[in-house]
Amino acid sequence: MDSKRIAAEHAVTYIEDGMVVGLGTGSTAYWAIQKIGERIKGGLKVRAVATSRQSERLAVENGIPLVGFDEINGIDLTIDGADEVDQDLNLIKGGGGALLREKIVAASSRKVIIIADESKLVGQLGAFPLPVEIAVFGSPLTLQHLGRFGRPLKLRAADGQPFITDNGNYIIDCQLNAIPHPLKLHDEINAIPGVVVNGLFVQMADLVIIGRHDGTINELIRTKPGTAQS
């Protein structure tokens, strides 16, 4: 079985009747949404908030009831993927282009479960380019300011045109190679006018479920800031 699917389906076992569930975006979250749909057909009663139009469509296809933020007081559990996970459970996210909505949903969740295959577990963040969502207005100047953190910087494209997020913004992918101090970099990037959000999710994951190619899983639990245990 696909290691992403193994991790996703295990994560869904944490969902209980009556929960409000955050639905992530991407190839790993796809399997979680599919499994939630199966459980709903079996009698599970939940409501969900999607982090992208893509996830909204998938939820509707699988019979998952969606709600707006104005209908809820918070989110019980969010299941989402990641592009990189370090030993302290800090993340790089945004490869799927939904980082702003993903961060809003994660920050509003009582528990955040990250699902990934073993290739996403790294000793230090940074090999995967860091996505930074920026406003279209003034974007050349914002790009100049981002240049001090690393090069090359690349305006994400789709079909030969700049990629536009669900929120109407651009994404800049920053090749930093190594991020020794994720929180410091997170705050410095967010301080740049024109930056909407960046893809560093620092100490937001409560549980990381790693699916392995041999069919096994590992659970990494954040017990307190700066530590994780398996």
Protein backbone atom coordinates (compact mmCIF):
# COMPACT_ATOMS: atom_id res chain seq x y z
CA MET A 1 0.00 0.00 0.00
CA ASP A 2 1.12 3.57 -0.69
CA SER A 3 2.95 4.98 2.34
CA LYS A 4 1.03 8.27 2.10
CA ARG A 5 -2.23 6.39 2.14
CA ILE A 6 -1.14 4.33 5.16
CA ALA A 7 -0.37 7.49 7.15
CA ALA A 8 -3.58 9.23 6.04
CA GLU A 9 -5.89 6.36 6.87
CA HIS A 10 -4.29 5.94 10.31
CA ALA A 11 -4.77 9.66 11.01
CA VAL A 12 -8.49 9.39 10.26
CA THR A 13 -8.89 6.93 13.16
CA TYR A 14 -8.46 9.93 15.49
CA ILE A 15 -11.69 11.51 14.21
CA GLU A 16 -14.71 11.09 16.49
CA ASP A 17 -18.44 11.70 16.07
CA GLY A 18 -19.46 15.34 16.31
CA MET A 19 -16.05 16.80 15.48
CA VAL A 20 -15.35 19.75 13.24
CA VAL A 21 -12.48 18.60 11.03
CA GLY A 22 -9.98 20.63 9.01
CA LEU A 23 -9.25 19.12 5.60
CA GLY A 24 -5.76 19.66 4.26
CA THR A 25 -4.65 20.01 0.65
CA GLY A 26 -2.34 17.89 -1.47
CA SER A 27 -1.56 14.33 -2.47
CA THR A 28 -1.42 12.97 1.09
CA ALA A 29 -4.47 14.85 2.37
CA TYR A 30 -6.34 13.40 -0.63
CA TRP A 31 -6.24 9.97 0.99
CA ALA A 32 -7.47 11.33 4.32
CA ILE A 33 -10.46 12.98 2.64
CA GLN A 34 -11.26 9.75 0.82
CA LYS A 35 -11.15 7.79 4.10
CA ILE A 36 -13.30 10.35 5.94
CA GLY A 37 -15.86 9.96 3.16
CA GLU A 38 -15.83 6.19 3.70
CA ARG A 39 -16.37 6.62 7.43
CA ILE A 40 -19.26 9.02 6.82
CA LYS A 41 -20.93 6.39 4.67
CA GLY A 42 -20.49 4.06 7.64
CA GLY A 43 -22.29 6.45 9.98
CA LEU A 44 -19.64 8.93 11.18
CA LYS A 45 -21.12 12.39 11.77
CA VAL A 46 -18.70 15.29 11.30
CA ARG A 47 -18.54 18.71 9.69
CA ALA A 48 -15.48 19.97 7.85
CA VAL A 49 -13.60 23.10 6.82
CA ALA A 50 -11.53 22.80 3.63
CA THR A 51 -8.20 24.57 3.06
CA SER A 52 -8.58 24.96 -0.71
CA ARG A 53 -11.09 24.84 -3.53
CA GLN A 54 -9.51 21.55 -4.55
CA SER A 55 -10.23 20.04 -1.13
CA GLU A 56 -13.74 21.52 -1.15
CA ARG A 57 -14.51 19.74 -4.41
CA LEU A 58 -13.08 16.47 -3.11
CA ALA A 59 -15.08 16.77 0.11
CA VAL A 60 -18.32 17.31 -1.81
CA GLU A 61 -17.55 14.32 -4.04
CA ASN A 62 -17.11 12.18 -0.91
CA GLY A 63 -20.24 13.38 0.88
CA ILE A 64 -18.43 15.34 3.59
CA PRO A 65 -20.56 18.23 4.95
CA LEU A 66 -18.72 21.57 4.77
CA VAL A 67 -19.22 24.55 7.08
CA GLY A 68 -18.00 28.14 7.10
CA PHE A 69 -16.01 29.81 9.88
CA ASP A 70 -19.08 31.82 10.81
CA GLU A 71 -20.84 28.57 11.76
CA ILE A 72 -18.23 27.22 14.19
CA ASN A 73 -16.29 28.28 17.27
CA GLY A 74 -13.16 26.33 16.39
CA ILE A 75 -11.83 23.18 14.77
CA ASP A 76 -11.35 19.99 16.76
CA LEU A 77 -8.85 18.25 14.52
CA THR A 78 -7.02 19.06 11.30
CA ILE A 79 -5.32 16.48 9.10
CA ASP A 80 -2.87 17.85 6.55
CA GLY A 81 0.35 16.98 4.76
CA ALA A 82 3.79 18.60 4.71
CA ASP A 83 6.68 19.05 2.31
CA GLU A 84 9.29 18.68 5.06
CA VAL A 85 9.19 17.78 8.76
CA ASP A 86 12.17 18.26 11.08
CA GLN A 87 13.00 16.50 14.36
CA ASP A 88 11.16 19.20 16.38
CA LEU A 89 8.04 18.79 14.21
CA ASN A 90 8.53 22.13 12.48
CA LEU A 91 7.24 22.04 8.92
CA ILE A 92 7.60 23.47 5.46
CA LYS A 93 4.21 23.55 3.76
CA GLY A 94 2.77 25.20 0.69
CA GLY A 95 3.93 23.01 -2.16
CA GLY A 96 0.27 22.70 -3.13
CA GLY A 97 -0.26 26.46 -3.01
CA ALA A 98 -2.72 26.53 -0.09
CA LEU A 99 -0.40 27.69 2.70
CA LEU A 100 -2.44 30.70 3.86
CA ARG A 101 -5.66 28.77 4.32
CA GLU A 102 -3.76 25.82 5.76
CA LYS A 103 -2.12 28.05 8.37
CA ILE A 104 -5.40 29.75 9.31
CA VAL A 105 -7.09 26.37 9.77
CA ALA A 106 -4.14 24.89 11.71
CA ALA A 107 -4.00 27.90 14.03
CA SER A 108 -7.73 27.48 14.75
CA SER A 109 -7.42 23.75 15.53
CA ARG A 110 -7.24 22.07 18.92
CA LYS A 111 -5.10 19.31 17.42
CA VAL A 112 -3.07 19.26 14.21
CA ILE A 113 -2.08 15.91 12.73
CA ILE A 114 0.47 15.94 9.92
CA ILE A 115 0.69 12.96 7.60
CA ALA A 116 3.67 12.21 5.39
CA ASP A 117 5.79 9.48 3.90
CA GLU A 118 9.29 8.85 5.27
CA SER A 119 10.97 10.96 2.56
CA LYS A 120 9.53 14.13 4.16
CA LEU A 121 11.32 13.57 7.50
CA VAL A 122 14.57 15.58 7.50
CA GLY A 123 17.31 16.51 9.92
CA GLN A 124 17.00 20.21 9.03
CA LEU A 125 14.44 22.13 7.00
CA GLY A 126 15.41 23.89 3.81
CA ALA A 127 16.12 21.46 1.00
CA PHE A 128 12.53 21.95 -0.17
CA PRO A 129 12.05 25.52 -1.46
CA LEU A 130 10.21 27.66 1.08
CA PRO A 131 6.92 29.00 -0.34
CA VAL A 132 6.10 32.62 0.48
CA GLU A 133 2.68 34.00 -0.47
CA ILE A 134 2.86 37.67 -1.42
CA ALA A 135 0.43 40.36 -2.57
CA VAL A 136 0.37 41.03 -6.31
CA PHE A 137 0.57 44.79 -5.63
CA GLY A 138 4.21 45.82 -5.29
CA SER A 139 5.42 42.27 -5.89
CA PRO A 140 8.71 43.27 -7.62
CA LEU A 141 9.70 45.26 -4.51
CA THR A 142 8.62 42.47 -2.18
CA LEU A 143 10.76 40.11 -4.23
CA GLN A 144 13.76 42.40 -3.76
CA HIS A 145 13.30 42.31 0.01
CA LEU A 146 13.01 38.52 -0.02
CA GLY A 147 16.26 38.35 -1.95
CA ARG A 148 18.30 38.94 1.19
CA PHE A 149 17.21 35.58 2.61
CA GLY A 150 18.42 33.44 -0.26
CA ARG A 151 18.59 32.80 -3.95
CA PRO A 152 17.37 31.68 -6.35
CA LEU A 153 13.87 33.04 -5.86
CA LYS A 154 11.25 31.81 -8.28
CA LEU A 155 7.80 33.17 -9.03
CA ARG A 156 5.63 30.05 -9.13
CA ALA A 157 4.00 29.52 -12.51
CA ALA A 158 1.19 27.38 -13.90
CA ASP A 159 0.53 26.89 -17.62
CA GLY A 160 3.06 29.56 -18.49
CA GLN A 161 1.42 32.20 -16.28
CA PRO A 162 2.04 33.26 -12.67
CA PHE A 163 0.32 30.86 -10.28
CA ILE A 164 -2.51 32.64 -8.46
CA THR A 165 -3.58 31.29 -5.07
CA ASP A 166 -7.20 30.85 -4.01
CA ASN A 167 -6.72 34.20 -2.26
CA GLY A 168 -5.58 36.04 -5.40
CA ASN A 169 -1.88 36.22 -4.46
CA TYR A 170 1.46 35.14 -5.94
CA ILE A 171 3.78 32.50 -4.46
CA ILE A 172 7.55 32.92 -4.40
CA ASP A 173 9.56 29.72 -3.90
CA CYS A 174 12.78 30.51 -2.03
CA GLN A 175 15.68 28.05 -2.29
CA LEU A 176 17.41 28.44 1.06
CA ASN A 177 19.08 25.00 1.29
CA ALA A 178 19.20 25.08 5.11
CA ILE A 179 17.02 26.72 7.78
CA PRO A 180 18.82 26.39 11.13
CA HIS A 181 16.45 28.74 13.01
CA PRO A 182 12.91 28.31 11.64
CA LEU A 183 11.12 30.64 14.08
CA LYS A 184 13.60 33.48 13.51
CA LEU A 185 13.31 33.18 9.74
CA HIS A 186 9.52 32.89 9.94
CA ASP A 187 9.25 36.17 11.83
CA GLU A 188 11.78 38.00 9.64
CA ILE A 189 10.00 37.07 6.42
CA ASN A 190 6.57 37.92 7.79
CA ALA A 191 7.85 41.39 8.76
CA ILE A 192 8.32 42.32 5.09
CA PRO A 193 5.43 44.49 3.80
CA GLY A 194 3.78 42.63 0.94
CA VAL A 195 4.32 39.20 2.46
CA VAL A 196 1.00 37.58 3.31
CA VAL A 197 2.30 34.37 4.89
CA ASN A 198 5.23 31.98 4.60
CA GLY A 199 5.34 28.21 4.56
CA LEU A 200 7.16 27.70 7.85
CA PHE A 201 4.77 26.09 10.35
CA VAL A 202 6.72 26.36 13.59
CA GLN A 203 5.54 24.24 16.54
CA MET A 204 2.03 23.93 15.08
CA ALA A 205 1.96 20.15 14.61
CA ASP A 206 0.84 18.11 17.61
CA LEU A 207 1.29 14.71 15.99
CA VAL A 208 3.18 13.62 12.87
CA ILE A 209 2.31 10.26 11.37
CA ILE A 210 4.99 8.86 9.05
CA GLY A 211 4.01 6.11 6.63
CA ARG A 212 6.83 3.82 5.55
CA HIS A 213 7.26 1.75 2.40
CA ASP A 214 7.30 -1.48 4.40
CA GLY A 215 3.72 -0.79 5.51
CA THR A 216 4.52 0.38 9.04
CA ILE A 217 3.89 3.78 10.59
CA ASN A 218 5.64 5.93 13.18
CA GLU A 219 3.94 8.52 15.37
CA LEU A 220 5.99 11.54 16.46
CA ILE A 221 4.35 13.51 19.27
CA ARG A 222 5.15 17.07 20.29
CA THR A 223 5.27 17.00 24.09
CA LYS A 224 6.56 20.55 24.68
CA PRO A 225 8.26 23.27 22.60
CA GLY A 226 11.40 22.03 20.97
CA THR A 227 10.92 18.32 21.64
CA ALA A 228 9.23 15.36 20.03
CA GLN A 229 8.95 11.74 21.00
CA SER A 230 8.02 8.61 19.08
